[in-house]
Each structure stands twice: as C-alpha cells, then as structure tokens.
C-alpha cells in the first residue's frame, strides 16, 4: 500500500480550500510524512470488532451510492495487512453497490465505534469474487452460527486509511452491550431477592 489518506482525499480543489482557510500547511506535512504500509494492530483489532460499516461506491452516472453493511461482529474479515473481505449476503436484490463496482472499483468505507467514539475511514479497490471461483477464500470468510444466504464475495484492497476525530459522535450501545453492563447489578439483585425469601419465607 504505502500511501496515505491525503494523497487520495486531497484533490486540487480540496487543496485550494485548505489554502483559503489556513489548514494547507499542516495537511501538506501529513501527505509527506504520514505514510503507513498496511493495517497495524490497532486497525485490525478495530475492524474485527465491528458489526457494521458504511460502503460508498460510484455509479457509471458519476453519482455516489452509500450502503449500510451489517452482520455479526467479525463478519468483515482481515485477509492480510492490505486486504479485507466479506461475504455478500442476499438482500433486496437491487445490486446497486455490486453494479457500481463492476464499472468503477474505487470504494470508500467508514466504520464507527459509538461507545468509544472512534471512526476509521478507508479507501480501497474492490474485487468481486464469485462463490464457485474460490472455495478456499469462502472458507476464510465464512461465518459460524449465523444464518445467511451468500451470493458472492467482496474483497477490498486497501489503498489508504485514516482515523477521524471523535467530535459529534454520540455514544450509542447495543441491547447486548447494555445487558452485559448491567449483568453484575442484576446478579446482585437476584442474590438479595434470594436472601429476602430465605429470611422471610416468602
């Protein structure tokens, strides 16, 4: 990979605005020095813990399309430091994202961990792999104890990534995360209730 996010994100039009509003010098330094060749342990751990992300593709009409992708935690698999992939489940059969990828394989992802207010942005080149064409890859991407109907596999060859600031991210928690947080209190309440029954006989 050996690229940084600014090389792709900072087009000439973007740079002109950065110069106009006074941020160009700092971002210029970012382009020169903030080069990371592949995912580090921090990104790998973050990605493996996600149960959803947003995927943007570009249609042949030049309009972008953003789609939510979800599954159990870890459904987005790390294949190596420069590649991630997942099984494309059967959905509403619009095929907008896959159709866009067929004519333009440039995509971007954004993943948000709401409890920690963390946000990771990724630029990638997408690759569509049919199920019958690579059984060994399917085994790597397959999900245990999760019901789904696979249609194909999508591989994302990472071009660059960047962590976003936590500003304006409201912490949100899943039902499971809330249940886990209150589990000690629930057990304590059950213990007290059992003691009351023992003492009162009721």
N, C-alpha and C. Protein backbone atom coordinates (compact mmCIF):
# COMPACT_ATOMS: atom_id res chain seq x y z
N UNK A 1 0.84 -1.20 0.00
CA UNK A 1 0.00 0.00 0.00
C UNK A 1 0.88 1.25 0.00
N UNK A 2 1.53 1.52 1.11
CA UNK A 2 2.49 2.63 1.23
C UNK A 2 1.96 3.95 0.69
N UNK A 3 0.72 4.25 0.98
CA UNK A 3 0.13 5.53 0.62
C UNK A 3 -0.46 6.14 1.88
N UNK A 4 -0.81 7.41 1.79
CA UNK A 4 -1.54 7.98 2.91
C UNK A 4 -2.87 8.55 2.42
N UNK A 5 -3.74 8.79 3.35
CA UNK A 5 -5.10 9.20 3.04
C UNK A 5 -5.15 10.49 2.24
N UNK A 6 -4.26 11.42 2.56
CA UNK A 6 -4.26 12.72 1.91
C UNK A 6 -3.96 12.65 0.43
N UNK A 7 -3.13 11.69 0.01
CA UNK A 7 -2.80 11.57 -1.41
C UNK A 7 -4.06 11.36 -2.26
N UNK A 8 -5.03 10.64 -1.71
CA UNK A 8 -6.26 10.36 -2.44
C UNK A 8 -7.31 11.43 -2.15
N UNK A 9 -7.46 11.79 -0.90
CA UNK A 9 -8.55 12.69 -0.50
C UNK A 9 -8.32 14.13 -0.92
N UNK A 10 -7.06 14.57 -0.93
CA UNK A 10 -6.79 15.99 -1.16
C UNK A 10 -6.56 16.27 -2.64
N UNK A 11 -7.65 16.42 -3.37
CA UNK A 11 -7.58 16.80 -4.77
C UNK A 11 -7.17 18.27 -4.88
N UNK A 12 -6.95 18.73 -6.09
CA UNK A 12 -6.56 20.14 -6.28
C UNK A 12 -7.62 21.08 -5.72
N UNK A 13 -8.89 20.74 -5.93
CA UNK A 13 -9.97 21.60 -5.42
C UNK A 13 -9.97 21.63 -3.90
N UNK A 14 -9.68 20.47 -3.29
CA UNK A 14 -9.62 20.39 -1.82
C UNK A 14 -8.44 21.23 -1.31
N UNK A 15 -7.31 21.12 -1.97
CA UNK A 15 -6.12 21.86 -1.55
C UNK A 15 -6.34 23.38 -1.62
N UNK A 16 -7.05 23.81 -2.64
CA UNK A 16 -7.34 25.24 -2.76
C UNK A 16 -8.16 25.74 -1.58
N UNK A 17 -9.13 24.93 -1.15
CA UNK A 17 -9.94 25.32 0.00
C UNK A 17 -9.12 25.29 1.29
N UNK A 18 -8.20 24.31 1.41
CA UNK A 18 -7.33 24.27 2.57
C UNK A 18 -6.44 25.51 2.64
N UNK A 19 -5.95 25.93 1.47
CA UNK A 19 -5.13 27.15 1.43
C UNK A 19 -5.97 28.37 1.81
N UNK A 20 -7.19 28.42 1.32
CA UNK A 20 -8.07 29.56 1.59
C UNK A 20 -8.38 29.69 3.07
N UNK A 21 -8.58 28.54 3.75
CA UNK A 21 -9.00 28.57 5.16
C UNK A 21 -7.87 28.25 6.14
N UNK A 22 -6.63 28.17 5.64
CA UNK A 22 -5.47 28.14 6.54
C UNK A 22 -5.03 26.80 7.07
N UNK A 23 -5.48 25.69 6.49
CA UNK A 23 -5.08 24.38 7.00
C UNK A 23 -4.13 23.63 6.07
N UNK A 24 -3.76 24.26 4.95
CA UNK A 24 -2.97 23.54 3.95
C UNK A 24 -1.60 23.13 4.46
N UNK A 25 -0.93 23.96 5.23
CA UNK A 25 0.43 23.64 5.68
C UNK A 25 0.47 22.38 6.52
N UNK A 26 -0.47 22.26 7.46
CA UNK A 26 -0.46 21.07 8.33
C UNK A 26 -0.82 19.82 7.54
N UNK A 27 -1.75 19.92 6.60
CA UNK A 27 -2.12 18.75 5.81
C UNK A 27 -1.06 18.39 4.78
N UNK A 28 -0.29 19.37 4.37
CA UNK A 28 0.83 19.10 3.47
C UNK A 28 1.87 18.22 4.17
N UNK A 29 2.13 18.53 5.45
CA UNK A 29 3.05 17.70 6.23
C UNK A 29 2.51 16.29 6.39
N UNK A 30 1.18 16.18 6.55
CA UNK A 30 0.54 14.86 6.68
C UNK A 30 0.78 14.04 5.42
N UNK A 31 0.67 14.67 4.25
CA UNK A 31 0.87 13.95 3.00
C UNK A 31 2.31 13.44 2.87
N UNK A 32 3.26 14.21 3.37
CA UNK A 32 4.66 13.85 3.20
C UNK A 32 5.13 12.79 4.19
N UNK A 33 4.62 12.84 5.41
CA UNK A 33 5.21 12.01 6.45
C UNK A 33 4.29 10.93 7.03
N UNK A 34 2.99 11.08 6.88
CA UNK A 34 2.07 10.12 7.48
C UNK A 34 1.76 8.98 6.51
N UNK A 35 2.78 8.18 6.21
CA UNK A 35 2.65 7.07 5.27
C UNK A 35 2.73 5.76 6.05
N UNK A 36 1.70 4.94 5.96
CA UNK A 36 1.66 3.67 6.68
C UNK A 36 1.43 2.55 5.67
N UNK A 37 2.29 1.57 5.66
CA UNK A 37 2.20 0.47 4.70
C UNK A 37 1.39 -0.67 5.30
N UNK A 38 0.10 -0.62 5.15
CA UNK A 38 -0.77 -1.70 5.64
C UNK A 38 -1.37 -1.41 7.00
N UNK A 39 -2.35 -2.25 7.36
CA UNK A 39 -3.03 -2.10 8.64
C UNK A 39 -2.10 -2.46 9.79
N UNK A 40 -2.22 -1.72 10.87
CA UNK A 40 -1.48 -2.05 12.09
C UNK A 40 -2.40 -2.82 13.03
N UNK A 41 -1.87 -3.23 14.16
CA UNK A 41 -2.68 -3.98 15.13
C UNK A 41 -3.91 -3.19 15.58
N UNK A 42 -3.78 -1.87 15.66
CA UNK A 42 -4.91 -1.04 16.11
C UNK A 42 -6.07 -1.12 15.14
N UNK A 43 -5.77 -0.98 13.83
CA UNK A 43 -6.84 -1.06 12.82
C UNK A 43 -7.42 -2.46 12.74
N UNK A 44 -6.57 -3.46 12.81
CA UNK A 44 -7.04 -4.85 12.73
C UNK A 44 -8.00 -5.16 13.86
N UNK A 45 -7.63 -4.79 15.08
CA UNK A 45 -8.49 -5.03 16.23
C UNK A 45 -9.82 -4.29 16.09
N UNK A 46 -9.75 -3.06 15.62
CA UNK A 46 -10.96 -2.25 15.45
C UNK A 46 -11.90 -2.88 14.43
N UNK A 47 -11.37 -3.26 13.28
CA UNK A 47 -12.18 -3.84 12.21
C UNK A 47 -12.81 -5.15 12.66
N UNK A 48 -12.05 -5.98 13.34
CA UNK A 48 -12.56 -7.28 13.77
C UNK A 48 -13.71 -7.16 14.78
N UNK A 49 -13.82 -6.01 15.42
CA UNK A 49 -14.85 -5.83 16.45
C UNK A 49 -16.11 -5.14 15.92
N UNK A 50 -16.14 -4.84 14.61
CA UNK A 50 -17.28 -4.11 14.05
C UNK A 50 -18.39 -5.06 13.60
N UNK A 51 -19.64 -4.62 13.81
CA UNK A 51 -20.78 -5.38 13.31
C UNK A 51 -21.49 -4.65 12.17
N UNK A 52 -20.93 -3.53 11.73
CA UNK A 52 -21.50 -2.81 10.58
C UNK A 52 -20.51 -1.78 10.09
N UNK A 53 -20.74 -1.33 8.86
CA UNK A 53 -19.98 -0.22 8.31
C UNK A 53 -20.77 0.36 7.14
N UNK A 54 -20.33 1.51 6.65
CA UNK A 54 -20.96 2.15 5.50
C UNK A 54 -20.00 2.09 4.32
N UNK A 55 -20.53 1.70 3.17
CA UNK A 55 -19.72 1.47 1.98
C UNK A 55 -20.20 2.38 0.86
N UNK A 56 -19.31 3.20 0.33
CA UNK A 56 -19.64 4.12 -0.76
C UNK A 56 -19.02 3.63 -2.06
N UNK A 57 -19.83 3.63 -3.11
CA UNK A 57 -19.37 3.26 -4.45
C UNK A 57 -19.81 4.36 -5.42
N UNK A 58 -19.33 4.27 -6.66
CA UNK A 58 -19.61 5.30 -7.65
C UNK A 58 -20.25 4.65 -8.87
N UNK A 59 -21.43 5.15 -9.27
CA UNK A 59 -22.11 4.60 -10.42
C UNK A 59 -21.56 5.12 -11.74
N UNK A 60 -21.94 4.49 -12.84
CA UNK A 60 -21.49 4.92 -14.16
C UNK A 60 -22.04 6.30 -14.51
N UNK A 61 -23.06 6.75 -13.76
CA UNK A 61 -23.61 8.11 -13.95
C UNK A 61 -22.90 9.14 -13.07
N UNK A 62 -21.82 8.70 -12.39
CA UNK A 62 -20.98 9.54 -11.52
C UNK A 62 -21.65 9.94 -10.21
N UNK A 63 -22.80 9.37 -9.90
CA UNK A 63 -23.41 9.61 -8.60
C UNK A 63 -22.87 8.60 -7.59
N UNK A 64 -22.53 9.05 -6.38
CA UNK A 64 -22.11 8.10 -5.34
C UNK A 64 -23.32 7.41 -4.73
N UNK A 65 -23.08 6.24 -4.20
CA UNK A 65 -24.13 5.49 -3.51
C UNK A 65 -23.55 4.96 -2.21
N UNK A 66 -24.26 5.16 -1.11
CA UNK A 66 -23.77 4.72 0.19
C UNK A 66 -24.70 3.64 0.73
N UNK A 67 -24.12 2.54 1.12
CA UNK A 67 -24.91 1.41 1.60
C UNK A 67 -24.42 0.98 2.99
N UNK A 68 -25.37 0.62 3.84
CA UNK A 68 -25.03 0.06 5.15
C UNK A 68 -24.83 -1.44 5.01
N UNK A 69 -23.74 -1.94 5.55
CA UNK A 69 -23.48 -3.38 5.58
C UNK A 69 -23.38 -3.83 7.03
N UNK A 70 -24.02 -4.93 7.35
CA UNK A 70 -24.00 -5.40 8.74
C UNK A 70 -23.96 -6.91 8.84
N UNK A 71 -23.68 -7.38 10.03
CA UNK A 71 -23.59 -8.81 10.32
C UNK A 71 -23.12 -8.99 11.74
N UNK A 72 -22.76 -10.20 12.11
CA UNK A 72 -22.21 -10.40 13.45
C UNK A 72 -20.82 -9.77 13.56
N UNK A 73 -20.41 -9.47 14.77
CA UNK A 73 -19.07 -8.91 14.95
C UNK A 73 -18.03 -9.83 14.30
N UNK A 74 -17.18 -9.24 13.49
CA UNK A 74 -16.15 -10.02 12.83
C UNK A 74 -16.54 -10.52 11.45
N UNK A 75 -17.71 -10.11 10.93
CA UNK A 75 -18.10 -10.58 9.60
C UNK A 75 -17.21 -9.99 8.52
N UNK A 76 -16.62 -8.83 8.81
CA UNK A 76 -15.62 -8.25 7.91
C UNK A 76 -14.27 -8.82 8.31
N UNK A 77 -13.71 -9.65 7.44
CA UNK A 77 -12.51 -10.43 7.79
C UNK A 77 -11.23 -9.74 7.33
N UNK A 78 -10.19 -9.90 8.14
CA UNK A 78 -8.85 -9.45 7.77
C UNK A 78 -8.18 -10.59 7.01
N UNK A 79 -7.83 -10.36 5.75
CA UNK A 79 -7.13 -11.38 4.96
C UNK A 79 -5.62 -11.22 5.06
N UNK A 80 -5.16 -9.99 5.07
CA UNK A 80 -3.76 -9.67 5.35
C UNK A 80 -3.70 -8.17 5.64
N UNK A 81 -2.52 -7.62 5.75
CA UNK A 81 -2.38 -6.22 6.15
C UNK A 81 -2.95 -5.23 5.14
N UNK A 82 -3.19 -5.71 3.92
CA UNK A 82 -3.68 -4.82 2.87
C UNK A 82 -5.02 -5.24 2.28
N UNK A 83 -5.62 -6.30 2.80
CA UNK A 83 -6.87 -6.78 2.22
C UNK A 83 -7.87 -7.18 3.31
N UNK A 84 -9.11 -6.76 3.12
CA UNK A 84 -10.20 -7.20 3.97
C UNK A 84 -11.31 -7.70 3.04
N UNK A 85 -12.19 -8.53 3.57
CA UNK A 85 -13.23 -9.07 2.71
C UNK A 85 -14.42 -9.56 3.51
N UNK A 86 -15.53 -9.76 2.81
CA UNK A 86 -16.74 -10.27 3.45
C UNK A 86 -17.62 -10.96 2.42
N UNK A 87 -18.53 -11.76 2.92
CA UNK A 87 -19.50 -12.44 2.07
C UNK A 87 -20.66 -11.48 1.81
N UNK A 88 -21.05 -11.38 0.55
CA UNK A 88 -22.18 -10.54 0.17
C UNK A 88 -23.46 -11.35 0.36
N UNK A 89 -24.23 -11.00 1.40
CA UNK A 89 -25.47 -11.72 1.68
C UNK A 89 -26.55 -11.35 0.67
N UNK A 90 -27.49 -12.25 0.46
CA UNK A 90 -28.67 -11.94 -0.32
C UNK A 90 -29.50 -10.87 0.39
N UNK A 91 -29.86 -9.82 -0.32
CA UNK A 91 -30.63 -8.73 0.28
C UNK A 91 -31.86 -8.41 -0.54
N UNK A 92 -32.02 -7.13 -0.86
CA UNK A 92 -33.22 -6.71 -1.58
C UNK A 92 -33.10 -6.84 -3.10
N UNK A 93 -31.94 -7.34 -3.54
CA UNK A 93 -31.70 -7.63 -4.96
C UNK A 93 -31.73 -6.38 -5.85
N UNK A 94 -31.33 -5.24 -5.31
CA UNK A 94 -31.16 -4.05 -6.15
C UNK A 94 -29.81 -4.07 -6.86
N UNK A 95 -28.78 -4.57 -6.17
CA UNK A 95 -27.44 -4.74 -6.74
C UNK A 95 -26.79 -3.41 -7.16
N UNK A 96 -27.11 -2.35 -6.43
CA UNK A 96 -26.54 -1.05 -6.78
C UNK A 96 -25.03 -1.04 -6.53
N UNK A 97 -24.62 -1.46 -5.34
CA UNK A 97 -23.20 -1.44 -5.00
C UNK A 97 -22.39 -2.35 -5.91
N UNK A 98 -22.84 -3.58 -6.09
CA UNK A 98 -22.10 -4.53 -6.93
C UNK A 98 -22.08 -4.05 -8.38
N UNK A 99 -23.19 -3.49 -8.85
CA UNK A 99 -23.22 -2.95 -10.20
C UNK A 99 -22.25 -1.80 -10.36
N UNK A 100 -22.18 -0.94 -9.37
CA UNK A 100 -21.21 0.16 -9.41
C UNK A 100 -19.78 -0.37 -9.45
N UNK A 101 -19.52 -1.40 -8.63
CA UNK A 101 -18.17 -1.97 -8.60
C UNK A 101 -17.77 -2.56 -9.94
N UNK A 102 -18.73 -3.02 -10.70
CA UNK A 102 -18.44 -3.64 -11.99
C UNK A 102 -17.90 -2.62 -13.00
N UNK A 103 -18.23 -1.35 -12.81
CA UNK A 103 -17.77 -0.31 -13.74
C UNK A 103 -16.74 0.63 -13.12
N UNK A 104 -16.68 0.67 -11.79
CA UNK A 104 -15.70 1.51 -11.10
C UNK A 104 -15.39 0.85 -9.77
N UNK A 105 -14.21 0.31 -9.62
CA UNK A 105 -13.91 -0.46 -8.40
C UNK A 105 -13.37 0.40 -7.26
N UNK A 106 -13.38 1.72 -7.41
CA UNK A 106 -12.99 2.60 -6.30
C UNK A 106 -14.13 2.70 -5.29
N UNK A 107 -13.83 2.40 -4.03
CA UNK A 107 -14.84 2.48 -2.97
C UNK A 107 -14.21 3.12 -1.74
N UNK A 108 -15.08 3.53 -0.82
CA UNK A 108 -14.61 4.01 0.47
C UNK A 108 -15.51 3.46 1.57
N UNK A 109 -14.95 3.29 2.74
CA UNK A 109 -15.68 2.77 3.89
C UNK A 109 -15.54 3.73 5.05
N UNK A 110 -16.55 3.75 5.89
CA UNK A 110 -16.43 4.42 7.17
C UNK A 110 -17.01 3.51 8.23
N UNK A 111 -16.25 3.29 9.28
CA UNK A 111 -16.66 2.44 10.40
C UNK A 111 -16.68 3.28 11.66
N UNK A 112 -17.74 3.15 12.43
CA UNK A 112 -17.88 3.94 13.65
C UNK A 112 -18.10 3.02 14.84
N UNK A 113 -17.28 3.19 15.86
CA UNK A 113 -17.50 2.51 17.13
C UNK A 113 -18.08 3.55 18.07
N UNK A 114 -19.38 3.48 18.26
CA UNK A 114 -20.07 4.54 19.01
C UNK A 114 -19.71 4.59 20.49
N UNK A 115 -19.58 3.45 21.18
CA UNK A 115 -19.22 3.55 22.60
C UNK A 115 -17.88 4.25 22.84
N UNK A 116 -16.90 3.98 21.97
CA UNK A 116 -15.58 4.59 22.16
C UNK A 116 -15.41 5.88 21.36
N UNK A 117 -16.43 6.25 20.57
CA UNK A 117 -16.39 7.45 19.74
C UNK A 117 -15.18 7.43 18.80
N UNK A 118 -14.98 6.26 18.16
CA UNK A 118 -13.86 6.08 17.23
C UNK A 118 -14.41 5.93 15.81
N UNK A 119 -13.65 6.43 14.84
CA UNK A 119 -14.13 6.40 13.46
C UNK A 119 -12.94 6.17 12.53
N UNK A 120 -13.06 5.15 11.68
CA UNK A 120 -12.00 4.79 10.74
C UNK A 120 -12.51 4.94 9.31
N UNK A 121 -11.74 5.63 8.48
CA UNK A 121 -12.09 5.83 7.07
C UNK A 121 -11.09 5.06 6.21
N UNK A 122 -11.59 4.40 5.16
CA UNK A 122 -10.74 3.57 4.31
C UNK A 122 -11.04 3.84 2.84
N UNK A 123 -10.00 4.01 2.05
CA UNK A 123 -10.11 3.99 0.59
C UNK A 123 -9.65 2.62 0.11
N UNK A 124 -10.36 2.04 -0.86
CA UNK A 124 -10.00 0.70 -1.32
C UNK A 124 -10.37 0.49 -2.78
N UNK A 125 -9.76 -0.52 -3.37
CA UNK A 125 -10.13 -1.03 -4.69
C UNK A 125 -10.90 -2.32 -4.45
N UNK A 126 -12.12 -2.38 -4.98
CA UNK A 126 -12.97 -3.54 -4.73
C UNK A 126 -12.74 -4.63 -5.78
N UNK A 127 -13.03 -5.84 -5.36
CA UNK A 127 -12.90 -7.00 -6.24
C UNK A 127 -14.08 -7.94 -5.97
N UNK A 128 -14.81 -8.30 -7.01
CA UNK A 128 -15.94 -9.21 -6.89
C UNK A 128 -15.48 -10.63 -7.20
N UNK A 129 -15.73 -11.55 -6.26
CA UNK A 129 -15.31 -12.94 -6.44
C UNK A 129 -16.55 -13.83 -6.33
N UNK A 130 -16.83 -14.59 -7.36
CA UNK A 130 -17.98 -15.50 -7.34
C UNK A 130 -17.68 -16.68 -6.42
N UNK A 131 -18.72 -17.20 -5.79
CA UNK A 131 -18.55 -18.27 -4.80
C UNK A 131 -17.85 -19.49 -5.38
N UNK A 132 -18.22 -19.88 -6.60
CA UNK A 132 -17.69 -21.09 -7.20
C UNK A 132 -16.23 -20.95 -7.62
N UNK A 133 -15.77 -19.71 -7.73
CA UNK A 133 -14.42 -19.47 -8.25
C UNK A 133 -13.31 -19.60 -7.22
N UNK A 134 -13.67 -19.52 -5.93
CA UNK A 134 -12.62 -19.56 -4.90
C UNK A 134 -13.16 -20.15 -3.60
N UNK A 135 -13.33 -21.48 -3.54
CA UNK A 135 -13.86 -22.12 -2.32
C UNK A 135 -12.99 -21.89 -1.09
N UNK A 136 -11.68 -21.83 -1.27
CA UNK A 136 -10.79 -21.62 -0.12
C UNK A 136 -10.98 -20.24 0.48
N UNK A 137 -11.22 -19.25 -0.36
CA UNK A 137 -11.49 -17.90 0.14
C UNK A 137 -12.80 -17.88 0.91
N UNK A 138 -13.80 -18.61 0.39
CA UNK A 138 -15.09 -18.66 1.08
C UNK A 138 -14.93 -19.24 2.48
N UNK A 139 -14.09 -20.24 2.63
CA UNK A 139 -13.85 -20.82 3.95
C UNK A 139 -13.26 -19.79 4.91
N UNK A 140 -12.41 -18.92 4.40
CA UNK A 140 -11.82 -17.88 5.25
C UNK A 140 -12.85 -16.84 5.67
N UNK A 141 -13.82 -16.59 4.78
CA UNK A 141 -14.81 -15.54 5.05
C UNK A 141 -16.08 -16.07 5.70
N UNK A 142 -16.23 -17.38 5.72
CA UNK A 142 -17.47 -17.99 6.20
C UNK A 142 -17.73 -17.65 7.67
N UNK A 143 -19.01 -17.58 8.02
CA UNK A 143 -19.42 -17.22 9.37
C UNK A 143 -20.07 -18.42 10.05
N UNK A 144 -19.67 -18.68 11.25
CA UNK A 144 -20.22 -19.80 12.02
C UNK A 144 -21.40 -19.31 12.86
N UNK A 145 -22.40 -20.16 12.99
CA UNK A 145 -23.57 -19.89 13.84
C UNK A 145 -24.30 -18.61 13.45
N UNK A 146 -24.33 -18.31 12.16
CA UNK A 146 -25.06 -17.14 11.68
C UNK A 146 -25.76 -17.52 10.38
N UNK A 147 -27.08 -17.32 10.34
CA UNK A 147 -27.85 -17.71 9.17
C UNK A 147 -27.79 -16.62 8.10
N UNK A 148 -27.42 -17.03 6.89
CA UNK A 148 -27.38 -16.10 5.77
C UNK A 148 -27.38 -16.89 4.47
N UNK A 149 -27.70 -16.19 3.39
CA UNK A 149 -27.64 -16.77 2.05
C UNK A 149 -26.57 -16.03 1.27
N UNK A 150 -25.47 -16.68 0.95
CA UNK A 150 -24.38 -15.99 0.25
C UNK A 150 -24.67 -15.85 -1.24
N UNK A 151 -24.25 -14.73 -1.81
CA UNK A 151 -24.37 -14.53 -3.25
C UNK A 151 -23.01 -14.44 -3.93
N UNK A 152 -22.07 -13.82 -3.25
CA UNK A 152 -20.73 -13.64 -3.81
C UNK A 152 -19.81 -13.19 -2.68
N UNK A 153 -18.55 -12.97 -2.99
CA UNK A 153 -17.61 -12.44 -2.01
C UNK A 153 -17.06 -11.11 -2.51
N UNK A 154 -16.84 -10.19 -1.61
CA UNK A 154 -16.29 -8.88 -1.96
C UNK A 154 -14.97 -8.68 -1.22
N UNK A 155 -13.93 -8.44 -1.98
CA UNK A 155 -12.60 -8.20 -1.42
C UNK A 155 -12.26 -6.72 -1.60
N UNK A 156 -11.73 -6.12 -0.56
CA UNK A 156 -11.36 -4.71 -0.60
C UNK A 156 -9.85 -4.59 -0.41
N UNK A 157 -9.18 -4.17 -1.45
CA UNK A 157 -7.74 -3.97 -1.42
C UNK A 157 -7.47 -2.54 -0.96
N UNK A 158 -6.95 -2.42 0.23
CA UNK A 158 -6.84 -1.11 0.89
C UNK A 158 -5.77 -0.24 0.24
N UNK A 159 -6.18 0.96 -0.13
CA UNK A 159 -5.27 1.94 -0.70
C UNK A 159 -4.73 2.89 0.36
N UNK A 160 -5.59 3.30 1.28
CA UNK A 160 -5.20 4.22 2.35
C UNK A 160 -6.29 4.26 3.40
N UNK A 161 -5.94 4.73 4.59
CA UNK A 161 -6.94 4.87 5.66
C UNK A 161 -6.52 5.98 6.60
N UNK A 162 -7.49 6.42 7.41
CA UNK A 162 -7.22 7.49 8.36
C UNK A 162 -8.23 7.42 9.49
N UNK A 163 -7.78 7.70 10.69
CA UNK A 163 -8.69 7.80 11.83
C UNK A 163 -9.29 9.19 11.86
N UNK A 164 -10.58 9.27 12.10
CA UNK A 164 -11.29 10.55 12.17
C UNK A 164 -11.41 11.02 13.61
N UNK A 165 -11.64 12.31 13.78
CA UNK A 165 -11.79 12.85 15.13
C UNK A 165 -13.13 12.39 15.73
N UNK A 166 -13.23 12.32 17.05
CA UNK A 166 -14.45 11.83 17.71
C UNK A 166 -15.54 12.89 17.85
N UNK A 167 -15.29 14.09 17.34
CA UNK A 167 -16.24 15.18 17.51
C UNK A 167 -17.61 14.83 16.93
N UNK A 168 -18.65 15.11 17.69
CA UNK A 168 -20.05 14.94 17.29
C UNK A 168 -20.50 13.48 17.18
N UNK A 169 -19.69 12.54 17.64
CA UNK A 169 -20.15 11.15 17.69
C UNK A 169 -20.84 10.93 19.03
N UNK A 170 -22.11 10.64 19.01
CA UNK A 170 -22.87 10.37 20.23
C UNK A 170 -22.70 8.91 20.62
N UNK A 171 -22.23 8.63 21.83
CA UNK A 171 -22.09 7.23 22.24
C UNK A 171 -23.43 6.50 22.20
N UNK A 172 -23.45 5.34 21.57
CA UNK A 172 -24.64 4.50 21.50
C UNK A 172 -24.23 3.07 21.81
N UNK A 173 -25.18 2.31 22.37
CA UNK A 173 -24.86 0.96 22.81
C UNK A 173 -25.93 -0.01 22.31
N UNK A 174 -25.52 -1.21 21.97
CA UNK A 174 -26.47 -2.24 21.58
C UNK A 174 -27.17 -2.79 22.82
N UNK A 175 -28.29 -3.50 22.59
CA UNK A 175 -29.00 -4.13 23.70
C UNK A 175 -28.08 -5.09 24.44
N UNK A 176 -27.30 -5.85 23.68
CA UNK A 176 -26.38 -6.82 24.29
C UNK A 176 -25.34 -6.12 25.16
N UNK A 177 -24.80 -5.02 24.68
CA UNK A 177 -23.80 -4.28 25.46
C UNK A 177 -24.41 -3.72 26.74
N UNK A 178 -25.65 -3.25 26.68
CA UNK A 178 -26.32 -2.75 27.88
C UNK A 178 -26.58 -3.88 28.86
N UNK A 179 -27.03 -5.03 28.35
CA UNK A 179 -27.27 -6.18 29.22
C UNK A 179 -25.99 -6.62 29.91
N UNK A 180 -24.88 -6.62 29.18
CA UNK A 180 -23.60 -7.01 29.77
C UNK A 180 -23.16 -6.01 30.85
N UNK A 181 -23.41 -4.72 30.61
CA UNK A 181 -23.02 -3.70 31.58
C UNK A 181 -23.80 -3.83 32.87
N UNK A 182 -25.08 -4.24 32.77
CA UNK A 182 -25.93 -4.32 33.96
C UNK A 182 -25.96 -5.74 34.56
N UNK A 183 -25.23 -6.66 33.97
CA UNK A 183 -25.25 -8.04 34.45
C UNK A 183 -24.83 -8.16 35.92
N UNK A 184 -23.74 -7.49 36.36
CA UNK A 184 -23.37 -7.59 37.78
C UNK A 184 -24.47 -7.09 38.72
N UNK A 185 -25.12 -5.97 38.35
CA UNK A 185 -26.21 -5.45 39.18
C UNK A 185 -27.39 -6.42 39.23
N UNK A 186 -27.69 -7.03 38.07
CA UNK A 186 -28.80 -7.97 38.01
C UNK A 186 -28.53 -9.19 38.90
N UNK A 187 -27.30 -9.68 38.87
CA UNK A 187 -26.94 -10.82 39.71
C UNK A 187 -27.02 -10.45 41.19
N UNK A 188 -26.61 -9.20 41.50
CA UNK A 188 -26.67 -8.76 42.89
C UNK A 188 -28.12 -8.65 43.37
N UNK A 189 -29.00 -8.15 42.51
CA UNK A 189 -30.42 -8.06 42.85
C UNK A 189 -31.00 -9.45 43.08
N UNK A 190 -30.66 -10.39 42.21
CA UNK A 190 -31.16 -11.76 42.36
C UNK A 190 -30.67 -12.38 43.67
N UNK A 191 -29.43 -12.07 44.05
CA UNK A 191 -28.88 -12.57 45.31
C UNK A 191 -29.64 -12.00 46.50
N UNK A 192 -29.92 -10.69 46.45
CA UNK A 192 -30.67 -10.05 47.53
C UNK A 192 -32.09 -10.61 47.63
N UNK A 193 -32.72 -10.82 46.48
CA UNK A 193 -34.08 -11.38 46.48
C UNK A 193 -34.09 -12.77 47.08
N UNK A 194 -33.07 -13.56 46.78
CA UNK A 194 -32.98 -14.91 47.34
C UNK A 194 -32.80 -14.85 48.86
N UNK A 195 -32.02 -13.88 49.35
CA UNK A 195 -31.82 -13.72 50.79
C UNK A 195 -33.11 -13.30 51.48
N UNK A 196 -33.87 -12.43 50.83
CA UNK A 196 -35.16 -11.99 51.40
C UNK A 196 -36.10 -13.18 51.53
N UNK A 197 -36.15 -14.01 50.50
CA UNK A 197 -37.01 -15.20 50.56
C UNK A 197 -36.57 -16.12 51.67
N UNK A 198 -35.27 -16.26 51.85
CA UNK A 198 -34.74 -17.15 52.89
C UNK A 198 -35.07 -16.61 54.28
N UNK A 199 -34.99 -15.28 54.45
CA UNK A 199 -35.24 -14.69 55.75
C UNK A 199 -36.73 -14.61 56.11
N UNK A 200 -37.54 -14.35 55.10
CA UNK A 200 -38.96 -14.14 55.35
C UNK A 200 -39.82 -15.37 55.04
N UNK A 201 -39.24 -16.27 54.28
CA UNK A 201 -40.03 -17.45 53.89
C UNK A 201 -41.05 -17.12 52.83
N UNK A 202 -40.92 -15.98 52.19
CA UNK A 202 -41.87 -15.58 51.14
C UNK A 202 -41.17 -15.41 49.81
